[in-house]
Amino acid sequence: MGKIIEKTTVDTKGRVMIPTSIRKRWGINEGVVILFEEKDTEFLLKPERKKGVRLKDLCGLSPKRTGEPKWITPEEIKSIWE
């Protein structure tokens, strides 16, 4: 079993508040769908990850274009195989 890092209480409506430190670490914002997964005698809560995740979402990077892309020429392609 994993290490307990935070503790919270279920309210009268069955809601659970996810602590801020965990929300920030896992990128859980308003509207994020949380998945419940049963595993043996415990359950896991996971944020749903959508396909096509952006680079910025993964590593906090936001690359900027520095100009028009330079396309490789047929001669350069041929030189690779020579």
N, C-alpha and C. Protein backbone atom coordinates (compact mmCIF):
# COMPACT_ATOMS: atom_id res chain seq x y z
N MET A 1 0.84 -1.18 0.00
CA MET A 1 0.00 0.00 0.00
C MET A 1 0.88 1.24 0.00
N GLY A 2 0.43 2.29 -0.65
CA GLY A 2 1.19 3.53 -0.74
C GLY A 2 1.23 4.32 0.55
N LYS A 3 2.06 5.31 0.58
CA LYS A 3 2.22 6.18 1.74
C LYS A 3 1.07 7.18 1.83
N ILE A 4 0.49 7.35 2.99
CA ILE A 4 -0.58 8.33 3.18
C ILE A 4 0.05 9.72 3.27
N ILE A 5 -0.38 10.63 2.38
CA ILE A 5 0.22 11.96 2.36
C ILE A 5 -0.76 13.04 2.80
N GLU A 6 -2.06 12.76 2.73
CA GLU A 6 -3.09 13.71 3.13
C GLU A 6 -4.27 12.93 3.70
N LYS A 7 -5.13 13.64 4.42
CA LYS A 7 -6.31 13.01 5.00
C LYS A 7 -7.48 13.98 4.88
N THR A 8 -8.67 13.46 4.55
CA THR A 8 -9.85 14.29 4.42
C THR A 8 -11.06 13.51 4.89
N THR A 9 -12.21 14.15 5.00
CA THR A 9 -13.43 13.51 5.51
C THR A 9 -14.54 13.62 4.47
N VAL A 10 -15.36 12.59 4.39
CA VAL A 10 -16.52 12.60 3.50
C VAL A 10 -17.62 13.40 4.18
N ASP A 11 -18.28 14.32 3.43
CA ASP A 11 -19.36 15.11 4.04
C ASP A 11 -20.69 14.37 3.95
N THR A 12 -21.77 14.98 4.42
CA THR A 12 -23.08 14.33 4.49
C THR A 12 -23.66 13.99 3.11
N LYS A 13 -23.16 14.64 2.06
CA LYS A 13 -23.63 14.35 0.71
C LYS A 13 -22.70 13.38 -0.03
N GLY A 14 -21.73 12.82 0.66
CA GLY A 14 -20.80 11.87 0.06
C GLY A 14 -19.66 12.50 -0.70
N ARG A 15 -19.48 13.80 -0.54
CA ARG A 15 -18.40 14.50 -1.25
C ARG A 15 -17.10 14.43 -0.47
N VAL A 16 -16.02 14.44 -1.21
CA VAL A 16 -14.67 14.43 -0.62
C VAL A 16 -13.90 15.61 -1.19
N MET A 17 -13.29 16.40 -0.32
CA MET A 17 -12.46 17.51 -0.78
C MET A 17 -11.05 17.00 -1.02
N ILE A 18 -10.55 17.19 -2.23
CA ILE A 18 -9.18 16.80 -2.54
C ILE A 18 -8.28 17.95 -2.11
N PRO A 19 -7.31 17.68 -1.23
CA PRO A 19 -6.43 18.74 -0.74
C PRO A 19 -5.72 19.49 -1.87
N THR A 20 -5.50 20.77 -1.66
CA THR A 20 -4.89 21.65 -2.66
C THR A 20 -3.55 21.12 -3.15
N SER A 21 -2.71 20.63 -2.25
CA SER A 21 -1.39 20.16 -2.66
C SER A 21 -1.50 19.01 -3.67
N ILE A 22 -2.47 18.14 -3.49
CA ILE A 22 -2.66 17.02 -4.42
C ILE A 22 -3.26 17.52 -5.74
N ARG A 23 -4.23 18.44 -5.66
CA ARG A 23 -4.84 18.99 -6.88
C ARG A 23 -3.78 19.66 -7.75
N LYS A 24 -2.90 20.43 -7.12
CA LYS A 24 -1.84 21.11 -7.88
C LYS A 24 -0.87 20.11 -8.49
N ARG A 25 -0.45 19.12 -7.70
CA ARG A 25 0.53 18.14 -8.16
C ARG A 25 0.00 17.34 -9.35
N TRP A 26 -1.30 17.01 -9.35
CA TRP A 26 -1.89 16.18 -10.39
C TRP A 26 -2.67 16.96 -11.43
N GLY A 27 -2.67 18.28 -11.34
CA GLY A 27 -3.34 19.10 -12.34
C GLY A 27 -4.85 18.93 -12.35
N ILE A 28 -5.42 18.77 -11.16
CA ILE A 28 -6.87 18.59 -11.03
C ILE A 28 -7.52 19.94 -10.81
N ASN A 29 -8.25 20.41 -11.82
CA ASN A 29 -8.95 21.68 -11.75
C ASN A 29 -10.44 21.43 -11.84
N GLU A 30 -11.22 22.49 -11.71
CA GLU A 30 -12.67 22.38 -11.82
C GLU A 30 -13.04 21.75 -13.16
N GLY A 31 -13.92 20.77 -13.12
CA GLY A 31 -14.39 20.12 -14.34
C GLY A 31 -13.63 18.86 -14.72
N VAL A 32 -12.51 18.58 -14.05
CA VAL A 32 -11.74 17.38 -14.35
C VAL A 32 -12.53 16.16 -13.87
N VAL A 33 -12.63 15.14 -14.71
CA VAL A 33 -13.34 13.92 -14.35
C VAL A 33 -12.40 13.03 -13.55
N ILE A 34 -12.90 12.53 -12.40
CA ILE A 34 -12.12 11.64 -11.55
C ILE A 34 -12.63 10.22 -11.74
N LEU A 35 -11.72 9.28 -11.99
CA LEU A 35 -12.07 7.87 -12.15
C LEU A 35 -11.86 7.14 -10.83
N PHE A 36 -12.78 6.25 -10.48
CA PHE A 36 -12.64 5.40 -9.31
C PHE A 36 -12.32 4.00 -9.80
N GLU A 37 -11.22 3.45 -9.31
CA GLU A 37 -10.79 2.12 -9.75
C GLU A 37 -10.68 1.22 -8.53
N GLU A 38 -11.37 0.07 -8.57
CA GLU A 38 -11.26 -0.90 -7.47
C GLU A 38 -10.07 -1.80 -7.72
N LYS A 39 -9.32 -2.06 -6.66
CA LYS A 39 -8.15 -2.91 -6.77
C LYS A 39 -8.03 -3.69 -5.47
N ASP A 40 -8.35 -4.98 -5.51
CA ASP A 40 -8.34 -5.85 -4.33
C ASP A 40 -9.20 -5.25 -3.23
N THR A 41 -8.59 -4.85 -2.11
CA THR A 41 -9.34 -4.32 -0.97
C THR A 41 -9.25 -2.80 -0.85
N GLU A 42 -8.87 -2.13 -1.91
CA GLU A 42 -8.78 -0.68 -1.88
C GLU A 42 -9.30 -0.09 -3.18
N PHE A 43 -9.46 1.21 -3.22
CA PHE A 43 -9.84 1.85 -4.47
C PHE A 43 -8.94 3.05 -4.70
N LEU A 44 -8.78 3.36 -5.98
CA LEU A 44 -7.90 4.45 -6.39
C LEU A 44 -8.74 5.54 -7.04
N LEU A 45 -8.36 6.77 -6.83
CA LEU A 45 -8.97 7.90 -7.54
C LEU A 45 -7.92 8.41 -8.52
N LYS A 46 -8.32 8.53 -9.78
CA LYS A 46 -7.38 8.97 -10.81
C LYS A 46 -8.04 10.04 -11.66
N PRO A 47 -7.31 11.10 -11.98
CA PRO A 47 -7.86 12.06 -12.94
C PRO A 47 -7.88 11.42 -14.32
N GLU A 48 -8.97 11.62 -15.05
CA GLU A 48 -9.07 11.06 -16.40
C GLU A 48 -8.14 11.83 -17.32
N ARG A 49 -7.30 11.12 -18.04
CA ARG A 49 -6.37 11.73 -18.98
C ARG A 49 -6.92 11.58 -20.38
N LYS A 50 -7.03 12.66 -21.06
CA LYS A 50 -7.57 12.63 -22.41
C LYS A 50 -6.45 12.40 -23.41
N LYS A 51 -6.79 11.74 -24.51
CA LYS A 51 -5.80 11.51 -25.56
C LYS A 51 -5.43 12.85 -26.19
N GLY A 52 -4.24 12.92 -26.73
CA GLY A 52 -3.80 14.15 -27.37
C GLY A 52 -3.37 15.20 -26.36
N VAL A 53 -2.69 14.77 -25.31
CA VAL A 53 -2.22 15.70 -24.29
C VAL A 53 -1.16 16.61 -24.89
N ARG A 54 -1.25 17.88 -24.58
CA ARG A 54 -0.31 18.85 -25.11
C ARG A 54 1.01 18.81 -24.35
N LEU A 55 2.09 19.17 -25.01
CA LEU A 55 3.41 19.21 -24.40
C LEU A 55 3.39 20.12 -23.17
N LYS A 56 2.70 21.23 -23.26
CA LYS A 56 2.62 22.18 -22.15
C LYS A 56 2.00 21.51 -20.93
N ASP A 57 0.97 20.67 -21.13
CA ASP A 57 0.32 19.98 -20.02
C ASP A 57 1.25 18.96 -19.38
N LEU A 58 2.09 18.34 -20.18
CA LEU A 58 2.97 17.30 -19.64
C LEU A 58 4.15 17.85 -18.86
N CYS A 59 4.77 18.88 -19.37
CA CYS A 59 5.99 19.36 -18.72
C CYS A 59 6.04 20.84 -18.45
N GLY A 60 4.94 21.51 -18.63
CA GLY A 60 4.92 22.93 -18.34
C GLY A 60 5.68 23.77 -19.36
N LEU A 61 5.98 23.15 -20.52
CA LEU A 61 6.72 23.87 -21.55
C LEU A 61 5.76 24.46 -22.56
N SER A 62 6.12 25.57 -23.09
CA SER A 62 5.33 26.20 -24.15
C SER A 62 6.30 26.66 -25.23
N PRO A 63 6.68 25.72 -26.13
CA PRO A 63 7.67 26.09 -27.15
C PRO A 63 7.14 27.16 -28.08
N LYS A 64 8.04 28.03 -28.52
CA LYS A 64 7.67 29.12 -29.43
C LYS A 64 8.31 28.87 -30.78
N ARG A 65 7.57 29.19 -31.82
CA ARG A 65 8.12 29.09 -33.17
C ARG A 65 9.16 30.19 -33.37
N THR A 66 10.22 29.83 -34.04
CA THR A 66 11.28 30.81 -34.29
C THR A 66 11.31 31.24 -35.74
N GLY A 67 10.35 30.81 -36.52
CA GLY A 67 10.31 31.16 -37.94
C GLY A 67 9.65 30.05 -38.73
N GLU A 68 9.77 30.15 -40.02
CA GLU A 68 9.21 29.13 -40.89
C GLU A 68 10.06 27.87 -40.84
N PRO A 69 9.42 26.68 -40.91
CA PRO A 69 10.20 25.44 -40.90
C PRO A 69 11.01 25.32 -42.19
N LYS A 70 12.21 24.76 -42.08
CA LYS A 70 13.06 24.55 -43.25
C LYS A 70 12.90 23.10 -43.67
N TRP A 71 12.35 22.90 -44.84
CA TRP A 71 12.12 21.55 -45.33
C TRP A 71 13.40 20.96 -45.90
N ILE A 72 13.57 19.67 -45.69
CA ILE A 72 14.75 18.98 -46.20
C ILE A 72 14.62 18.80 -47.71
N THR A 73 15.74 18.88 -48.40
CA THR A 73 15.73 18.75 -49.86
C THR A 73 15.91 17.28 -50.25
N PRO A 74 15.53 16.91 -51.47
CA PRO A 74 15.74 15.52 -51.91
C PRO A 74 17.22 15.13 -51.86
N GLU A 75 18.10 16.08 -52.15
CA GLU A 75 19.54 15.79 -52.10
C GLU A 75 19.98 15.42 -50.68
N GLU A 76 19.46 16.16 -49.71
CA GLU A 76 19.80 15.86 -48.32
C GLU A 76 19.27 14.49 -47.90
N ILE A 77 18.10 14.13 -48.38
CA ILE A 77 17.54 12.81 -48.08
C ILE A 77 18.41 11.72 -48.70
N LYS A 78 18.82 11.90 -49.96
CA LYS A 78 19.67 10.93 -50.64
C LYS A 78 20.99 10.77 -49.93
N SER A 79 21.55 11.86 -49.39
CA SER A 79 22.88 11.80 -48.74
C SER A 79 22.83 10.93 -47.47
N ILE A 80 21.67 10.79 -46.88
CA ILE A 80 21.56 9.96 -45.68
C ILE A 80 21.83 8.50 -46.03
N TRP A 81 21.37 8.06 -47.21
CA TRP A 81 21.44 6.66 -47.59
C TRP A 81 22.73 6.30 -48.35
N GLU A 82 23.57 7.26 -48.60
CA GLU A 82 24.80 6.99 -49.34
C GLU A 82 25.92 6.58 -48.43
